[in-house]
N, C-alpha and C. Protein backbone atom coordinates (compact mmCIF):
# COMPACT_ATOMS: atom_id res chain seq x y z
N MET A 1 2.19 -0.25 -22.32
CA MET A 1 1.78 0.40 -21.40
C MET A 1 0.48 -0.48 -20.57
N SER A 2 0.96 -0.60 -19.36
CA SER A 2 0.46 -1.79 -18.45
C SER A 2 -0.96 -1.26 -17.84
N ILE A 3 -2.42 -1.74 -18.07
CA ILE A 3 -3.48 -1.24 -17.83
C ILE A 3 -3.50 -1.33 -16.04
N PHE A 4 -2.91 -2.39 -15.63
CA PHE A 4 -2.80 -2.49 -14.07
C PHE A 4 -2.25 -2.11 -13.11
N LYS A 5 -2.42 -1.42 -12.02
CA LYS A 5 -1.47 -1.00 -11.19
C LYS A 5 -1.54 -1.86 -10.03
N GLU A 6 -0.53 -2.17 -9.58
CA GLU A 6 0.09 -3.62 -8.59
C GLU A 6 0.28 -2.85 -7.27
N TYR A 7 -0.35 -3.56 -6.24
CA TYR A 7 0.05 -3.10 -4.71
C TYR A 7 0.35 -4.52 -3.77
N ASP A 8 1.58 -4.65 -3.32
CA ASP A 8 1.72 -5.47 -2.60
C ASP A 8 0.86 -5.68 -1.37
N PHE A 9 0.37 -6.44 -0.83
CA PHE A 9 -0.49 -6.84 0.26
C PHE A 9 0.41 -7.52 1.28
N SER A 10 1.54 -8.01 0.78
CA SER A 10 1.66 -9.65 1.54
C SER A 10 1.84 -9.23 2.93
N GLU A 11 2.74 -7.98 3.56
CA GLU A 11 2.80 -8.01 4.46
C GLU A 11 1.56 -7.98 5.72
N TYR A 12 0.51 -7.48 4.91
CA TYR A 12 -0.97 -7.79 5.65
C TYR A 12 -1.42 -9.34 5.56
N LEU A 13 -1.47 -9.45 4.53
CA LEU A 13 -2.21 -10.69 4.10
C LEU A 13 -1.78 -12.32 4.70
N ASN A 14 -0.17 -11.71 4.88
CA ASN A 14 0.66 -13.17 5.72
C ASN A 14 0.42 -13.45 7.12
N LYS A 15 -0.15 -12.56 7.77
CA LYS A 15 -0.57 -12.22 9.06
C LYS A 15 -1.65 -13.18 9.42
N LYS A 16 -2.82 -13.68 8.16
CA LYS A 16 -3.70 -14.62 9.02
C LYS A 16 -3.76 -15.70 7.77
N ASP A 17 -4.86 -16.47 7.85
CA ASP A 17 -4.98 -17.83 7.10
C ASP A 17 -6.02 -17.21 5.61
N PHE A 18 -5.67 -15.94 5.15
CA PHE A 18 -7.01 -15.47 4.53
C PHE A 18 -7.58 -16.57 2.91
N GLU A 19 -7.11 -17.36 2.97
CA GLU A 19 -7.65 -18.35 1.93
C GLU A 19 -8.29 -19.09 2.52
N THR A 20 -7.96 -19.69 3.85
CA THR A 20 -9.23 -20.27 4.68
C THR A 20 -10.18 -19.63 5.03
N LYS A 21 -10.06 -18.49 5.76
CA LYS A 21 -11.14 -17.60 5.74
C LYS A 21 -12.27 -17.25 4.24
N ALA A 22 -11.49 -17.07 3.20
CA ALA A 22 -12.15 -16.86 2.00
C ALA A 22 -13.20 -17.81 2.05
N ILE A 23 -12.82 -19.06 2.00
CA ILE A 23 -13.19 -20.43 1.25
C ILE A 23 -14.53 -20.20 2.27
N GLU A 24 -14.37 -20.52 3.29
CA GLU A 24 -15.37 -20.36 4.89
C GLU A 24 -16.48 -19.61 4.51
N TYR A 25 -16.28 -18.05 3.84
CA TYR A 25 -17.14 -16.99 4.10
C TYR A 25 -18.06 -17.83 2.59
N LEU A 26 -17.44 -18.27 1.90
CA LEU A 26 -17.87 -18.42 0.40
C LEU A 26 -18.93 -19.79 1.01
N LYS A 27 -18.52 -20.45 1.84
CA LYS A 27 -19.45 -21.67 1.70
C LYS A 27 -20.75 -21.44 2.84
N LYS A 28 -20.47 -20.23 3.68
CA LYS A 28 -21.72 -19.32 4.22
C LYS A 28 -22.83 -18.72 3.64
N TYR A 29 -21.89 -17.58 2.35
CA TYR A 29 -22.44 -16.81 2.09
C TYR A 29 -22.28 -16.91 0.37
N PRO A 30 -23.15 -17.88 -0.28
CA PRO A 30 -22.69 -18.17 -1.94
C PRO A 30 -23.71 -16.93 -2.54
N CYS A 31 -22.92 -16.57 -3.59
CA CYS A 31 -23.70 -15.42 -4.74
C CYS A 31 -24.80 -15.24 -4.17
N CYS A 32 -25.87 -16.44 -4.88
CA CYS A 32 -27.16 -15.89 -5.49
C CYS A 32 -28.07 -17.53 -5.32
N ASP A 33 -28.93 -17.34 -5.51
CA ASP A 33 -29.96 -18.46 -6.00
C ASP A 33 -29.49 -19.57 -6.81
N LYS A 34 -28.77 -20.92 -6.74
CA LYS A 34 -28.41 -21.73 -8.06
C LYS A 34 -29.26 -21.42 -9.07
N LYS A 35 -30.58 -21.37 -9.13
CA LYS A 35 -31.21 -21.47 -10.40
C LYS A 35 -31.05 -20.66 -11.09
N ASN A 36 -31.22 -19.54 -10.68
CA ASN A 36 -31.08 -18.08 -11.37
C ASN A 36 -29.69 -17.46 -11.85
N CYS A 37 -28.72 -17.99 -11.05
CA CYS A 37 -27.89 -17.58 -10.92
C CYS A 37 -26.81 -17.30 -12.48
N THR A 38 -26.34 -16.55 -12.70
CA THR A 38 -25.36 -16.50 -14.07
C THR A 38 -23.32 -16.56 -13.56
N HIS A 39 -23.37 -16.23 -12.37
CA HIS A 39 -21.69 -16.63 -11.54
C HIS A 39 -21.48 -17.52 -11.38
N PRO A 40 -20.13 -17.60 -11.64
CA PRO A 40 -19.38 -18.99 -11.45
C PRO A 40 -19.99 -19.53 -10.17
N SER A 41 -20.04 -20.88 -10.65
CA SER A 41 -20.70 -21.71 -9.45
C SER A 41 -20.30 -21.92 -8.20
N LEU A 42 -18.67 -21.43 -7.56
CA LEU A 42 -18.44 -21.29 -6.41
C LEU A 42 -17.50 -19.63 -6.32
N GLN A 43 -18.80 -18.74 -6.53
CA GLN A 43 -18.47 -17.31 -6.00
C GLN A 43 -19.09 -16.96 -4.88
N SER A 44 -19.09 -16.11 -3.88
CA SER A 44 -19.69 -15.40 -2.76
C SER A 44 -20.79 -14.52 -3.24
N ASP A 45 -21.19 -14.54 -2.51
CA ASP A 45 -22.21 -13.15 -2.24
C ASP A 45 -21.04 -11.64 -2.46
N ASN A 46 -21.54 -10.65 -2.98
CA ASN A 46 -20.50 -9.48 -2.93
C ASN A 46 -20.54 -8.44 -1.92
N GLU A 47 -20.54 -8.96 -0.80
CA GLU A 47 -20.45 -7.93 0.64
C GLU A 47 -19.51 -8.57 1.91
N LEU A 48 -18.21 -9.16 1.04
CA LEU A 48 -16.85 -9.71 1.74
C LEU A 48 -16.79 -8.62 2.42
N TRP A 49 -16.83 -7.40 2.01
CA TRP A 49 -15.66 -6.25 2.61
C TRP A 49 -16.68 -6.21 4.12
N LYS A 50 -17.84 -6.75 4.39
CA LYS A 50 -18.48 -6.39 5.66
C LYS A 50 -17.94 -7.34 6.36
N ASP A 51 -17.29 -8.56 6.31
CA ASP A 51 -16.91 -9.41 6.97
C ASP A 51 -15.84 -8.91 7.91
N LYS A 52 -15.97 -9.00 9.22
CA LYS A 52 -14.76 -8.53 10.19
C LYS A 52 -13.28 -9.06 9.83
N ASP A 53 -13.43 -9.92 8.97
CA ASP A 53 -11.84 -10.53 8.82
C ASP A 53 -11.43 -9.74 7.46
N PHE A 54 -12.12 -9.39 6.20
CA PHE A 54 -11.73 -8.72 5.09
C PHE A 54 -12.15 -7.32 5.16
N TYR A 55 -13.09 -6.42 6.45
CA TYR A 55 -13.04 -4.94 6.20
C TYR A 55 -11.88 -4.49 6.51
N PRO A 56 -10.67 -4.84 7.12
CA PRO A 56 -9.59 -4.31 7.16
C PRO A 56 -8.58 -4.00 5.90
N ILE A 57 -9.22 -5.20 5.11
CA ILE A 57 -8.75 -5.37 3.42
C ILE A 57 -9.51 -4.19 2.41
N ALA A 58 -10.78 -4.38 2.69
CA ALA A 58 -11.36 -3.14 1.98
C ALA A 58 -10.83 -1.64 1.97
N GLU A 59 -10.34 -1.51 4.03
CA GLU A 59 -10.14 -0.59 4.39
C GLU A 59 -8.96 0.13 3.61
N LYS A 60 -8.06 -0.97 3.63
CA LYS A 60 -6.70 -0.49 2.70
C LYS A 60 -6.83 -0.25 1.15
N ILE A 61 -7.78 -1.08 0.99
CA ILE A 61 -7.80 -0.61 -0.67
C ILE A 61 -9.00 0.67 -0.20
N ALA A 62 -9.59 0.92 0.08
CA ALA A 62 -10.22 2.85 0.39
C ALA A 62 -9.38 3.91 0.14
N SER A 63 -8.12 3.09 1.18
CA SER A 63 -7.19 4.05 1.70
C SER A 63 -5.78 4.36 0.29
N LEU A 64 -5.95 3.13 -0.43
CA LEU A 64 -4.74 3.44 -1.55
C LEU A 64 -5.50 4.31 -2.48
N ILE A 65 -6.93 4.47 -2.81
CA ILE A 65 -7.69 5.12 -3.79
C ILE A 65 -7.70 6.77 -3.41
N PHE A 66 -7.86 6.99 -1.78
CA PHE A 66 -8.13 7.84 -1.41
C PHE A 66 -6.71 8.85 -1.34
N ASN A 67 -5.52 8.31 -1.49
CA ASN A 67 -3.93 8.57 -1.42
C ASN A 67 -3.85 8.77 -2.68
N HIS A 68 -4.32 8.02 -3.80
CA HIS A 68 -3.90 8.42 -5.14
C HIS A 68 -4.67 9.33 -5.83
N TYR A 69 -5.68 9.77 -5.28
CA TYR A 69 -6.25 10.70 -5.73
C TYR A 69 -6.49 11.86 -5.03
N GLN A 70 -5.74 12.20 -3.98
CA GLN A 70 -5.21 12.76 -2.96
C GLN A 70 -6.84 13.36 -2.61
N LYS A 71 -7.76 13.05 -2.50
CA LYS A 71 -9.25 13.63 -1.70
C LYS A 71 -9.87 12.37 -1.63
N LYS A 72 -11.29 12.42 -0.64
CA LYS A 72 -11.98 11.25 -0.32
C LYS A 72 -13.26 11.83 -1.26
N PHE A 73 -13.82 10.27 -1.71
CA PHE A 73 -14.51 9.96 -2.32
C PHE A 73 -16.18 9.55 -1.79
N ASP A 74 -17.23 9.28 -2.24
CA ASP A 74 -18.00 8.79 -1.61
C ASP A 74 -17.88 7.14 -2.35
N LEU A 75 -17.05 6.33 -1.68
CA LEU A 75 -16.85 5.04 -2.10
C LEU A 75 -18.05 3.95 -2.14
N LYS A 76 -18.10 3.19 -3.06
CA LYS A 76 -19.29 2.24 -3.10
C LYS A 76 -18.50 0.81 -3.27
N MET A 77 -17.86 -0.07 -2.58
CA MET A 77 -17.18 -1.06 -2.95
C MET A 77 -18.19 -2.66 -2.74
N ARG A 78 -17.59 -3.33 -3.75
CA ARG A 78 -18.40 -4.50 -3.62
C ARG A 78 -16.84 -5.46 -3.96
N MET A 79 -16.89 -6.70 -2.78
CA MET A 79 -15.80 -7.61 -2.90
C MET A 79 -16.58 -8.84 -2.57
N TRP A 80 -15.99 -9.94 -3.29
CA TRP A 80 -16.29 -11.48 -3.31
C TRP A 80 -15.22 -12.08 -3.69
N VAL A 81 -15.44 -13.46 -3.10
CA VAL A 81 -14.30 -14.78 -3.25
C VAL A 81 -14.88 -15.41 -4.73
N TYR A 82 -14.00 -15.62 -5.60
CA TYR A 82 -13.72 -16.52 -6.45
C TYR A 82 -12.86 -17.89 -5.89
N PHE A 83 -13.54 -19.32 -6.08
CA PHE A 83 -12.97 -20.21 -5.85
C PHE A 83 -12.84 -21.35 -6.81
N GLN A 84 -11.87 -21.67 -7.24
CA GLN A 84 -11.67 -22.89 -8.11
C GLN A 84 -10.93 -23.94 -7.28
N GLU A 85 -11.56 -25.12 -6.85
CA GLU A 85 -11.30 -26.59 -5.94
C GLU A 85 -10.19 -27.27 -6.78
N LYS A 86 -9.43 -27.64 -6.16
CA LYS A 86 -7.80 -28.46 -6.61
C LYS A 86 -8.91 -29.70 -7.63
N ASP A 87 -7.94 -29.39 -8.75
CA ASP A 87 -7.95 -30.77 -9.54
C ASP A 87 -9.29 -30.12 -10.54
N SER A 88 -10.08 -29.40 -10.57
CA SER A 88 -11.31 -28.71 -11.18
C SER A 88 -10.69 -28.20 -12.53
N ILE A 89 -11.38 -28.18 -13.30
CA ILE A 89 -11.22 -27.74 -14.66
C ILE A 89 -12.16 -26.74 -15.14
N LEU A 90 -11.54 -25.44 -15.45
CA LEU A 90 -12.66 -24.15 -16.27
C LEU A 90 -12.28 -24.49 -17.66
N ASP A 91 -13.06 -24.83 -18.41
CA ASP A 91 -12.94 -25.22 -19.93
C ASP A 91 -13.41 -24.12 -20.85
N ARG A 92 -14.17 -23.13 -20.42
CA ARG A 92 -14.57 -22.28 -21.07
C ARG A 92 -14.49 -20.98 -20.65
N TYR A 93 -14.44 -19.89 -21.56
CA TYR A 93 -14.13 -18.32 -20.96
C TYR A 93 -15.28 -18.24 -20.64
N GLU A 94 -15.08 -17.15 -19.57
CA GLU A 94 -16.45 -16.18 -18.55
C GLU A 94 -15.95 -15.00 -18.42
N TRP A 95 -16.15 -14.40 -20.09
CA TRP A 95 -15.69 -12.75 -20.23
C TRP A 95 -16.63 -12.12 -19.70
N HIS A 96 -16.05 -11.19 -19.23
CA HIS A 96 -17.20 -9.97 -18.52
C HIS A 96 -16.63 -8.44 -18.10
N ASN A 97 -17.17 -7.61 -17.55
CA ASN A 97 -16.89 -6.49 -17.08
C ASN A 97 -17.20 -6.04 -15.83
N HIS A 98 -17.09 -5.40 -15.17
CA HIS A 98 -17.74 -4.83 -13.71
C HIS A 98 -18.06 -3.71 -13.73
N TYR A 99 -18.17 -2.62 -15.45
CA TYR A 99 -18.71 -1.80 -15.50
C TYR A 99 -20.16 -1.29 -15.30
N ARG A 100 -20.44 -0.46 -14.41
CA ARG A 100 -22.12 -0.01 -13.89
C ARG A 100 -22.22 1.05 -14.80
N ASN A 101 -21.57 1.88 -14.46
CA ASN A 101 -21.94 3.54 -15.72
C ASN A 101 -22.53 4.20 -14.63
N GLU A 102 -21.81 4.25 -13.56
CA GLU A 102 -22.77 4.87 -12.45
C GLU A 102 -21.88 5.80 -11.88
N GLY A 103 -20.71 5.66 -11.73
CA GLY A 103 -19.76 6.83 -10.92
C GLY A 103 -18.63 7.71 -11.84
N LYS A 104 -18.23 8.36 -11.11
CA LYS A 104 -17.04 9.51 -12.07
C LYS A 104 -15.90 8.30 -12.52
N GLU A 105 -15.58 7.56 -11.18
CA GLU A 105 -14.63 6.39 -11.85
C GLU A 105 -14.95 5.12 -11.61
N GLU A 106 -15.28 3.93 -11.97
CA GLU A 106 -14.96 2.48 -11.38
C GLU A 106 -13.81 2.10 -11.98
N PHE A 107 -13.75 1.00 -10.93
CA PHE A 107 -12.38 0.15 -11.25
C PHE A 107 -12.72 -0.82 -10.72
N SER A 108 -11.82 -2.14 -10.93
CA SER A 108 -11.79 -3.41 -10.32
C SER A 108 -10.73 -3.53 -9.83
N PHE A 109 -10.78 -4.97 -9.32
CA PHE A 109 -9.72 -5.68 -8.27
C PHE A 109 -9.53 -6.89 -8.55
N LEU A 110 -8.38 -7.49 -8.20
CA LEU A 110 -8.01 -8.72 -7.87
C LEU A 110 -6.94 -8.95 -6.69
N ILE A 111 -7.15 -10.14 -5.89
CA ILE A 111 -5.85 -10.16 -5.28
C ILE A 111 -5.96 -11.92 -5.04
N TYR A 112 -4.65 -12.52 -5.61
CA TYR A 112 -4.58 -13.80 -5.65
C TYR A 112 -4.49 -14.39 -4.45
N LEU A 113 -5.22 -15.36 -3.67
CA LEU A 113 -4.50 -15.19 -2.45
C LEU A 113 -4.00 -17.06 -2.04
N SER A 114 -4.05 -17.73 -3.40
CA SER A 114 -3.28 -18.82 -3.10
C SER A 114 -2.08 -18.75 -4.76
N ASN A 115 -1.69 -19.81 -4.31
CA ASN A 115 -0.21 -19.50 -5.93
C ASN A 115 -1.40 -20.40 -7.06
N THR A 116 -1.03 -19.79 -7.81
CA THR A 116 -1.54 -20.33 -9.18
C THR A 116 -0.62 -20.44 -10.59
N ASP A 117 -0.91 -20.97 -11.14
CA ASP A 117 -0.32 -20.81 -12.61
C ASP A 117 -1.17 -19.96 -13.68
N LEU A 118 -2.56 -20.55 -13.46
CA LEU A 118 -3.43 -20.05 -13.85
C LEU A 118 -3.76 -18.17 -13.58
N GLY A 119 -3.95 -17.54 -14.76
CA GLY A 119 -4.15 -15.90 -14.59
C GLY A 119 -5.57 -15.70 -14.60
N THR A 120 -5.45 -14.74 -15.39
CA THR A 120 -6.72 -13.59 -15.77
C THR A 120 -6.64 -13.26 -17.02
N LEU A 121 -7.19 -13.24 -18.27
CA LEU A 121 -6.98 -12.69 -19.30
C LEU A 121 -8.09 -11.46 -19.51
N PHE A 122 -7.83 -10.60 -20.21
CA PHE A 122 -8.34 -9.04 -20.25
C PHE A 122 -8.09 -9.03 -22.04
N LYS A 123 -9.23 -8.58 -22.62
CA LYS A 123 -8.91 -7.84 -23.66
C LYS A 123 -9.03 -6.57 -23.61
N VAL A 124 -7.59 -6.16 -24.37
CA VAL A 124 -7.18 -4.73 -24.28
C VAL A 124 -7.00 -4.47 -25.59
N ASN A 125 -7.96 -3.06 -26.57
CA ASN A 125 -7.49 -2.91 -28.09
C ASN A 125 -7.77 -4.39 -29.15
N ASN A 126 -8.45 -5.18 -28.51
CA ASN A 126 -8.64 -6.07 -29.54
C ASN A 126 -7.61 -6.74 -29.61
N ASP A 127 -6.89 -6.83 -28.54
CA ASP A 127 -5.74 -8.12 -28.24
C ASP A 127 -6.09 -8.78 -26.50
N ILE A 128 -5.53 -9.88 -26.29
CA ILE A 128 -5.49 -10.94 -25.27
C ILE A 128 -4.11 -10.03 -24.82
N THR A 129 -4.57 -9.46 -23.33
CA THR A 129 -3.49 -9.60 -22.14
C THR A 129 -3.32 -10.52 -21.26
N ILE A 130 -2.13 -11.21 -20.51
CA ILE A 130 -2.23 -11.99 -19.89
C ILE A 130 -2.05 -11.51 -18.41
N LEU A 131 -2.65 -11.85 -17.37
CA LEU A 131 -2.36 -11.11 -16.31
C LEU A 131 -1.70 -12.60 -15.22
N LYS A 132 -0.66 -12.89 -14.94
CA LYS A 132 0.12 -14.05 -14.30
C LYS A 132 0.12 -13.48 -12.92
N ALA A 133 -0.83 -14.39 -12.31
CA ALA A 133 -0.76 -14.17 -10.88
C ALA A 133 0.30 -13.98 -9.96
N LYS A 134 0.70 -13.33 -8.90
CA LYS A 134 1.20 -13.32 -8.14
C LYS A 134 0.57 -13.21 -6.76
N LYS A 135 0.44 -13.98 -5.51
CA LYS A 135 0.09 -14.29 -4.55
C LYS A 135 0.25 -13.21 -3.57
N ASN A 136 -1.21 -12.29 -3.10
CA ASN A 136 -1.11 -11.32 -2.40
C ASN A 136 -1.04 -9.93 -2.94
N ILE A 137 -0.97 -9.94 -4.45
CA ILE A 137 -0.54 -8.80 -4.81
C ILE A 137 -2.26 -8.16 -5.67
N LEU A 138 -2.67 -6.93 -5.10
CA LEU A 138 -3.69 -6.16 -5.26
C LEU A 138 -3.06 -5.83 -6.96
N TYR A 139 -4.24 -6.17 -7.67
CA TYR A 139 -4.18 -5.72 -9.38
C TYR A 139 -5.24 -4.75 -9.29
N ALA A 140 -5.34 -3.76 -10.05
CA ALA A 140 -6.51 -2.85 -10.26
C ALA A 140 -6.21 -2.36 -11.52
N TRP A 141 -7.51 -2.23 -12.13
CA TRP A 141 -7.82 -1.86 -13.50
C TRP A 141 -8.92 -0.86 -13.98
N ASN A 142 -9.30 -0.66 -14.75
CA ASN A 142 -10.66 0.53 -14.89
C ASN A 142 -11.47 -1.05 -15.21
N SER A 143 -12.47 -0.70 -14.74
CA SER A 143 -13.48 -1.75 -14.54
C SER A 143 -14.03 -1.79 -15.92
N LYS A 144 -14.15 -1.30 -17.49
CA LYS A 144 -14.80 -1.87 -18.78
C LYS A 144 -13.68 -2.53 -19.32
N TYR A 145 -12.84 -3.23 -18.86
CA TYR A 145 -11.67 -3.95 -19.79
C TYR A 145 -12.61 -5.26 -19.38
N GLU A 146 -13.01 -5.95 -20.38
CA GLU A 146 -13.36 -7.51 -20.29
C GLU A 146 -12.53 -8.22 -19.87
N HIS A 147 -12.67 -9.01 -18.93
CA HIS A 147 -11.94 -10.11 -18.69
C HIS A 147 -12.18 -11.60 -18.26
N THR A 148 -11.16 -12.56 -18.08
CA THR A 148 -11.95 -14.00 -17.55
C THR A 148 -11.13 -14.33 -17.17
N PRO A 149 -11.02 -15.72 -16.19
CA PRO A 149 -9.94 -16.75 -15.13
C PRO A 149 -9.81 -17.23 -16.81
N GLU A 150 -7.94 -17.31 -16.35
CA GLU A 150 -7.75 -18.68 -17.38
C GLU A 150 -8.13 -19.84 -17.00
N PRO A 151 -8.72 -20.21 -18.48
CA PRO A 151 -8.80 -22.09 -18.22
C PRO A 151 -7.90 -22.34 -17.85
N GLY A 152 -8.16 -23.73 -17.37
CA GLY A 152 -7.60 -24.94 -17.60
C GLY A 152 -7.70 -25.37 -15.86
N LYS A 153 -6.47 -26.53 -15.66
CA LYS A 153 -6.92 -27.37 -14.74
C LYS A 153 -5.74 -27.25 -13.44
N HIS A 154 -6.38 -26.74 -12.12
CA HIS A 154 -5.54 -26.26 -11.21
C HIS A 154 -5.08 -27.44 -10.28
N PRO A 155 -3.87 -27.69 -10.17
CA PRO A 155 -3.43 -29.02 -9.20
C PRO A 155 -3.64 -28.85 -7.44
N GLU A 156 -3.94 -27.16 -7.14
CA GLU A 156 -4.40 -26.92 -6.18
C GLU A 156 -5.66 -26.07 -5.84
N ASP A 157 -6.18 -25.91 -4.94
CA ASP A 157 -6.97 -25.04 -4.84
C ASP A 157 -6.64 -23.24 -5.19
N ARG A 158 -7.47 -22.54 -5.89
CA ARG A 158 -7.43 -21.34 -6.55
C ARG A 158 -8.45 -20.38 -5.90
N VAL A 159 -7.88 -19.88 -5.23
CA VAL A 159 -8.64 -18.66 -4.09
C VAL A 159 -8.21 -17.26 -4.91
N VAL A 160 -9.35 -16.36 -5.02
CA VAL A 160 -9.21 -15.23 -5.35
C VAL A 160 -10.45 -13.69 -4.68
N LEU A 161 -9.69 -12.73 -4.19
CA LEU A 161 -10.42 -12.17 -3.88
C LEU A 161 -10.91 -11.13 -5.33
N ALA A 162 -12.04 -10.61 -5.29
CA ALA A 162 -12.64 -9.89 -6.66
C ALA A 162 -13.25 -8.97 -6.05
N GLY A 163 -13.09 -7.56 -6.63
CA GLY A 163 -14.49 -6.82 -6.40
C GLY A 163 -14.01 -5.40 -6.91
N ASP A 164 -14.70 -4.56 -7.22
CA ASP A 164 -14.83 -3.19 -8.06
C ASP A 164 -15.16 -2.12 -6.91
N CYS A 165 -15.31 -1.03 -7.44
CA CYS A 165 -15.21 0.06 -6.90
C CYS A 165 -15.93 1.23 -7.52
N LEU A 166 -16.95 2.12 -7.00
CA LEU A 166 -17.37 3.06 -7.72
C LEU A 166 -16.84 4.35 -6.90
N LEU A 167 -16.44 5.45 -7.86
CA LEU A 167 -15.87 7.04 -6.96
C LEU A 167 -17.50 7.53 -7.17
N GLN A 168 -17.97 8.39 -6.54
CA GLN A 168 -18.79 9.49 -6.67
C GLN A 168 -18.25 10.82 -6.48
């Protein structure tokens, strides 16, 4: 049984160059103070969902949630850009989860905005599961799962929208 739900966002995401817009956002709004930062070096702040270009994506994600549960929630979303530059090498695992223990339900998501052979690794019941990336597909899962970007060298820019949601 898969731990992921998949939703095709191609129809919407193919209308704009979200890959370029995401990199521009990252340059303007890096995640935090570099001296005290524990995030990957090329990650934006977590308020991407407020940006005029990305807010419609956040609305679409919220709509999927409300439709899935057939009711409205107080939804708290964080969304950011993760970027691996062309020809850079990710040479270590960066295991983490997004669980905050604050909501009735918590889930995380990824959308790969670029084509990539590198996916995301997940720890599931003491096994490693590999999520092979497909461009413009939203992947959602329970936030408790530990995961890491797949290490390796990427021949092109790797741009990913990532985020999490709390349902109150």
